[in-house]
Amino acid sequence: MTKRLLLAFVTLALAAASAKTYRVTIFEPALLGSAELKPGDYKVEVTGDKMVITSGRKSVEASVTVENGKEKFASTTVRYSNGDGKYRIQEIRLGGTSTKLVVNN
């Protein structure tokens, strides 16, 4: 039983270590999936093809495609669509990296 517990702990630790964390500021009320995010600062954690965006106790998970460009982005930016009068997050470009998170609908 102890070996199983140790194996579970190591697996969990490796999964947590592989997650990357970033910061993003949202300036307008925006939808991520069906969840509305208020303007403010958020922590973005990316693990594989999942993104979790958190502020305080509120967390929203979204499926994303992680793309890497040729050049680094100067700053973190959020791109929106606005077809129905509501801002919907389409992608987040992470400043200081060449990583772009494209939200899967």
N, C-alpha and C. Protein backbone atom coordinates (compact mmCIF):
# COMPACT_ATOMS: atom_id res chain seq x y z
N MET A 1 0.83 -1.20 0.00
CA MET A 1 0.00 0.00 0.00
C MET A 1 0.86 1.26 0.00
N THR A 2 2.00 1.24 0.69
CA THR A 2 2.86 2.41 0.76
C THR A 2 3.45 2.73 -0.61
N LYS A 3 3.79 1.71 -1.40
CA LYS A 3 4.34 1.94 -2.73
C LYS A 3 3.30 2.61 -3.63
N ARG A 4 2.05 2.21 -3.51
CA ARG A 4 0.99 2.82 -4.32
C ARG A 4 0.80 4.28 -3.95
N LEU A 5 0.82 4.56 -2.66
CA LEU A 5 0.67 5.93 -2.19
C LEU A 5 1.83 6.79 -2.69
N LEU A 6 3.04 6.28 -2.63
CA LEU A 6 4.21 7.01 -3.09
C LEU A 6 4.12 7.24 -4.60
N LEU A 7 3.71 6.23 -5.35
CA LEU A 7 3.56 6.36 -6.79
C LEU A 7 2.51 7.41 -7.14
N ALA A 8 1.39 7.41 -6.43
CA ALA A 8 0.34 8.40 -6.66
C ALA A 8 0.86 9.81 -6.37
N PHE A 9 1.61 9.96 -5.30
CA PHE A 9 2.16 11.26 -4.94
C PHE A 9 3.15 11.75 -5.99
N VAL A 10 4.03 10.88 -6.47
CA VAL A 10 5.01 11.25 -7.48
C VAL A 10 4.31 11.64 -8.78
N THR A 11 3.29 10.89 -9.17
CA THR A 11 2.53 11.20 -10.39
C THR A 11 1.87 12.57 -10.27
N LEU A 12 1.25 12.84 -9.14
CA LEU A 12 0.60 14.13 -8.91
C LEU A 12 1.62 15.27 -8.92
N ALA A 13 2.77 15.06 -8.31
CA ALA A 13 3.81 16.08 -8.27
C ALA A 13 4.33 16.38 -9.68
N LEU A 14 4.51 15.35 -10.49
CA LEU A 14 4.97 15.56 -11.86
C LEU A 14 3.94 16.32 -12.69
N ALA A 15 2.67 15.99 -12.50
CA ALA A 15 1.60 16.70 -13.22
C ALA A 15 1.58 18.17 -12.82
N ALA A 16 1.72 18.44 -11.54
CA ALA A 16 1.71 19.83 -11.07
C ALA A 16 2.94 20.58 -11.57
N ALA A 17 4.07 19.89 -11.63
CA ALA A 17 5.31 20.53 -12.07
C ALA A 17 5.25 20.87 -13.56
N SER A 18 4.48 20.13 -14.34
CA SER A 18 4.42 20.38 -15.77
C SER A 18 3.49 21.53 -16.13
N ALA A 19 2.68 22.00 -15.20
CA ALA A 19 1.78 23.12 -15.46
C ALA A 19 2.58 24.41 -15.49
N LYS A 20 2.24 25.28 -16.44
CA LYS A 20 2.90 26.58 -16.53
C LYS A 20 1.90 27.64 -16.12
N THR A 21 2.37 28.64 -15.37
CA THR A 21 1.50 29.68 -14.84
C THR A 21 1.90 31.04 -15.39
N TYR A 22 0.88 31.83 -15.74
CA TYR A 22 1.08 33.17 -16.29
C TYR A 22 0.08 34.12 -15.63
N ARG A 23 0.24 35.39 -15.87
CA ARG A 23 -0.70 36.42 -15.39
C ARG A 23 -1.30 37.14 -16.59
N VAL A 24 -2.58 37.49 -16.47
CA VAL A 24 -3.26 38.22 -17.54
C VAL A 24 -4.25 39.19 -16.90
N THR A 25 -4.45 40.34 -17.55
CA THR A 25 -5.43 41.31 -17.10
C THR A 25 -6.53 41.39 -18.14
N ILE A 26 -7.77 41.30 -17.69
CA ILE A 26 -8.94 41.44 -18.56
C ILE A 26 -9.55 42.79 -18.26
N PHE A 27 -9.72 43.60 -19.31
CA PHE A 27 -10.18 44.97 -19.13
C PHE A 27 -11.68 45.16 -19.32
N GLU A 28 -12.34 44.22 -19.96
CA GLU A 28 -13.78 44.28 -20.21
C GLU A 28 -14.43 43.00 -19.71
N PRO A 29 -15.70 43.04 -19.30
CA PRO A 29 -16.38 41.78 -18.99
C PRO A 29 -16.32 40.87 -20.22
N ALA A 30 -15.96 39.62 -20.01
CA ALA A 30 -15.77 38.72 -21.15
C ALA A 30 -16.22 37.31 -20.79
N LEU A 31 -16.63 36.58 -21.82
CA LEU A 31 -17.04 35.19 -21.64
C LEU A 31 -15.90 34.26 -22.03
N LEU A 32 -15.72 33.24 -21.20
CA LEU A 32 -14.82 32.14 -21.52
C LEU A 32 -15.69 30.90 -21.42
N GLY A 33 -16.07 30.36 -22.56
CA GLY A 33 -17.10 29.33 -22.57
C GLY A 33 -18.40 29.99 -22.17
N SER A 34 -19.06 29.44 -21.17
CA SER A 34 -20.31 30.04 -20.69
C SER A 34 -20.11 30.87 -19.43
N ALA A 35 -18.87 30.93 -18.93
CA ALA A 35 -18.59 31.67 -17.69
C ALA A 35 -18.20 33.11 -18.01
N GLU A 36 -18.78 34.05 -17.25
CA GLU A 36 -18.44 35.45 -17.43
C GLU A 36 -17.31 35.82 -16.47
N LEU A 37 -16.29 36.44 -17.04
CA LEU A 37 -15.16 36.92 -16.25
C LEU A 37 -15.25 38.43 -16.14
N LYS A 38 -15.13 38.94 -14.93
CA LYS A 38 -15.17 40.37 -14.71
C LYS A 38 -13.79 40.96 -14.97
N PRO A 39 -13.73 42.26 -15.24
CA PRO A 39 -12.42 42.89 -15.42
C PRO A 39 -11.55 42.68 -14.17
N GLY A 40 -10.27 42.44 -14.40
CA GLY A 40 -9.36 42.24 -13.28
C GLY A 40 -8.15 41.41 -13.68
N ASP A 41 -7.33 41.13 -12.68
CA ASP A 41 -6.12 40.33 -12.88
C ASP A 41 -6.42 38.87 -12.62
N TYR A 42 -5.88 38.01 -13.47
CA TYR A 42 -6.13 36.57 -13.37
C TYR A 42 -4.82 35.80 -13.48
N LYS A 43 -4.81 34.64 -12.87
CA LYS A 43 -3.72 33.68 -13.02
C LYS A 43 -4.18 32.68 -14.08
N VAL A 44 -3.31 32.39 -15.03
CA VAL A 44 -3.61 31.42 -16.08
C VAL A 44 -2.65 30.26 -15.92
N GLU A 45 -3.19 29.07 -15.77
CA GLU A 45 -2.38 27.87 -15.64
C GLU A 45 -2.67 26.96 -16.82
N VAL A 46 -1.61 26.53 -17.50
CA VAL A 46 -1.76 25.70 -18.69
C VAL A 46 -1.12 24.35 -18.45
N THR A 47 -1.92 23.30 -18.68
CA THR A 47 -1.43 21.93 -18.59
C THR A 47 -1.93 21.20 -19.82
N GLY A 48 -1.01 20.88 -20.72
CA GLY A 48 -1.42 20.20 -21.95
C GLY A 48 -2.35 21.08 -22.76
N ASP A 49 -3.56 20.56 -23.03
CA ASP A 49 -4.54 21.32 -23.81
C ASP A 49 -5.63 21.92 -22.94
N LYS A 50 -5.36 22.11 -21.66
CA LYS A 50 -6.32 22.72 -20.73
C LYS A 50 -5.74 24.00 -20.14
N MET A 51 -6.60 25.01 -20.04
CA MET A 51 -6.24 26.26 -19.40
C MET A 51 -7.21 26.49 -18.26
N VAL A 52 -6.68 26.85 -17.10
CA VAL A 52 -7.52 27.23 -15.96
C VAL A 52 -7.17 28.67 -15.64
N ILE A 53 -8.20 29.53 -15.65
CA ILE A 53 -8.01 30.94 -15.35
C ILE A 53 -8.68 31.21 -14.01
N THR A 54 -7.93 31.84 -13.09
CA THR A 54 -8.38 31.97 -11.71
C THR A 54 -8.22 33.38 -11.20
N SER A 55 -9.22 33.83 -10.45
CA SER A 55 -9.15 35.08 -9.70
C SER A 55 -9.86 34.84 -8.38
N GLY A 56 -9.12 34.96 -7.30
CA GLY A 56 -9.72 34.66 -5.99
C GLY A 56 -10.14 33.20 -5.94
N ARG A 57 -11.41 32.98 -5.63
CA ARG A 57 -11.93 31.61 -5.53
C ARG A 57 -12.59 31.13 -6.82
N LYS A 58 -12.72 32.02 -7.80
CA LYS A 58 -13.39 31.64 -9.04
C LYS A 58 -12.38 31.10 -10.04
N SER A 59 -12.64 29.91 -10.55
CA SER A 59 -11.80 29.29 -11.57
C SER A 59 -12.66 28.84 -12.74
N VAL A 60 -12.14 29.03 -13.94
CA VAL A 60 -12.83 28.60 -15.14
C VAL A 60 -11.83 27.80 -15.97
N GLU A 61 -12.28 26.64 -16.44
CA GLU A 61 -11.42 25.78 -17.27
C GLU A 61 -11.89 25.86 -18.72
N ALA A 62 -10.92 25.84 -19.63
CA ALA A 62 -11.24 25.87 -21.05
C ALA A 62 -10.24 24.98 -21.79
N SER A 63 -10.72 24.40 -22.86
CA SER A 63 -9.87 23.63 -23.75
C SER A 63 -9.18 24.61 -24.70
N VAL A 64 -7.86 24.47 -24.86
CA VAL A 64 -7.11 25.38 -25.72
C VAL A 64 -6.17 24.60 -26.63
N THR A 65 -5.79 25.25 -27.70
CA THR A 65 -4.71 24.77 -28.55
C THR A 65 -3.53 25.67 -28.27
N VAL A 66 -2.40 25.09 -27.89
CA VAL A 66 -1.20 25.87 -27.61
C VAL A 66 -0.39 25.96 -28.90
N GLU A 67 -0.15 27.20 -29.34
CA GLU A 67 0.62 27.43 -30.56
C GLU A 67 1.87 28.22 -30.21
N ASN A 68 2.96 27.91 -30.87
CA ASN A 68 4.21 28.64 -30.67
C ASN A 68 4.59 29.35 -31.96
N GLY A 69 4.76 30.67 -31.85
CA GLY A 69 5.12 31.48 -33.01
C GLY A 69 6.62 31.57 -33.18
N LYS A 70 7.04 32.38 -34.13
CA LYS A 70 8.46 32.54 -34.43
C LYS A 70 9.12 33.59 -33.55
N GLU A 71 8.32 34.57 -33.10
CA GLU A 71 8.86 35.66 -32.30
C GLU A 71 8.12 35.77 -30.97
N LYS A 72 8.81 36.31 -29.97
CA LYS A 72 8.19 36.52 -28.66
C LYS A 72 7.23 37.70 -28.72
N PHE A 73 6.15 37.60 -27.95
CA PHE A 73 5.20 38.70 -27.83
C PHE A 73 5.75 39.69 -26.80
N ALA A 74 5.66 40.98 -27.12
CA ALA A 74 6.19 42.02 -26.23
C ALA A 74 5.40 42.11 -24.93
N SER A 75 4.09 41.88 -25.00
CA SER A 75 3.25 41.95 -23.81
C SER A 75 2.12 40.93 -23.93
N THR A 76 1.50 40.64 -22.81
CA THR A 76 0.37 39.71 -22.81
C THR A 76 -0.86 40.44 -23.32
N THR A 77 -1.52 39.83 -24.30
CA THR A 77 -2.73 40.43 -24.86
C THR A 77 -3.83 39.39 -24.96
N VAL A 78 -5.06 39.88 -24.84
CA VAL A 78 -6.24 39.01 -24.97
C VAL A 78 -6.97 39.45 -26.23
N ARG A 79 -7.29 38.51 -27.08
CA ARG A 79 -8.06 38.80 -28.29
C ARG A 79 -9.47 38.27 -28.12
N TYR A 80 -10.42 39.07 -28.54
CA TYR A 80 -11.84 38.76 -28.35
C TYR A 80 -12.57 38.65 -29.67
N SER A 81 -13.71 37.97 -29.65
CA SER A 81 -14.69 38.09 -30.72
C SER A 81 -15.86 38.84 -30.11
N ASN A 82 -16.67 39.49 -30.97
CA ASN A 82 -17.78 40.29 -30.46
C ASN A 82 -18.94 40.22 -31.44
N GLY A 83 -19.28 39.01 -31.91
CA GLY A 83 -20.32 38.86 -32.90
C GLY A 83 -21.73 39.08 -32.39
N ASP A 84 -21.97 38.83 -31.12
CA ASP A 84 -23.32 38.94 -30.58
C ASP A 84 -23.44 40.05 -29.53
N GLY A 85 -22.49 40.98 -29.55
CA GLY A 85 -22.53 42.08 -28.59
C GLY A 85 -21.84 41.77 -27.28
N LYS A 86 -21.34 40.54 -27.12
CA LYS A 86 -20.61 40.15 -25.90
C LYS A 86 -19.18 39.80 -26.29
N TYR A 87 -18.24 40.22 -25.45
CA TYR A 87 -16.85 39.87 -25.68
C TYR A 87 -16.63 38.40 -25.29
N ARG A 88 -16.07 37.64 -26.21
CA ARG A 88 -15.73 36.24 -25.96
C ARG A 88 -14.23 36.09 -26.20
N ILE A 89 -13.54 35.51 -25.22
CA ILE A 89 -12.10 35.34 -25.34
C ILE A 89 -11.81 34.29 -26.42
N GLN A 90 -11.01 34.70 -27.42
CA GLN A 90 -10.61 33.80 -28.50
C GLN A 90 -9.20 33.27 -28.29
N GLU A 91 -8.30 34.16 -27.86
CA GLU A 91 -6.93 33.73 -27.65
C GLU A 91 -6.23 34.65 -26.68
N ILE A 92 -5.18 34.11 -26.08
CA ILE A 92 -4.33 34.88 -25.18
C ILE A 92 -2.90 34.70 -25.66
N ARG A 93 -2.25 35.82 -25.93
CA ARG A 93 -0.84 35.81 -26.34
C ARG A 93 -0.02 36.18 -25.12
N LEU A 94 0.89 35.30 -24.75
CA LEU A 94 1.62 35.44 -23.49
C LEU A 94 2.91 36.24 -23.69
N GLY A 95 2.96 37.43 -23.07
CA GLY A 95 4.11 38.32 -23.18
C GLY A 95 5.39 37.67 -22.68
N GLY A 96 6.50 37.94 -23.38
CA GLY A 96 7.79 37.37 -23.02
C GLY A 96 7.99 35.96 -23.54
N THR A 97 6.97 35.42 -24.21
CA THR A 97 7.05 34.08 -24.79
C THR A 97 6.57 34.16 -26.25
N SER A 98 6.70 33.07 -26.94
CA SER A 98 6.13 32.98 -28.29
C SER A 98 4.88 32.12 -28.27
N THR A 99 4.28 31.96 -27.08
CA THR A 99 3.13 31.07 -26.90
C THR A 99 1.82 31.81 -27.04
N LYS A 100 0.92 31.18 -27.80
CA LYS A 100 -0.44 31.69 -28.00
C LYS A 100 -1.40 30.58 -27.60
N LEU A 101 -2.39 30.92 -26.74
CA LEU A 101 -3.41 29.99 -26.31
C LEU A 101 -4.69 30.28 -27.10
N VAL A 102 -5.07 29.39 -27.98
CA VAL A 102 -6.27 29.57 -28.80
C VAL A 102 -7.39 28.77 -28.16
N VAL A 103 -8.46 29.45 -27.76
CA VAL A 103 -9.58 28.81 -27.08
C VAL A 103 -10.39 27.97 -28.08
N ASN A 104 -10.58 26.71 -27.75
CA ASN A 104 -11.40 25.81 -28.58
C ASN A 104 -12.86 25.98 -28.20
N ASN A 105 -13.71 26.18 -29.18
CA ASN A 105 -15.14 26.38 -28.90
C ASN A 105 -15.89 25.08 -29.00
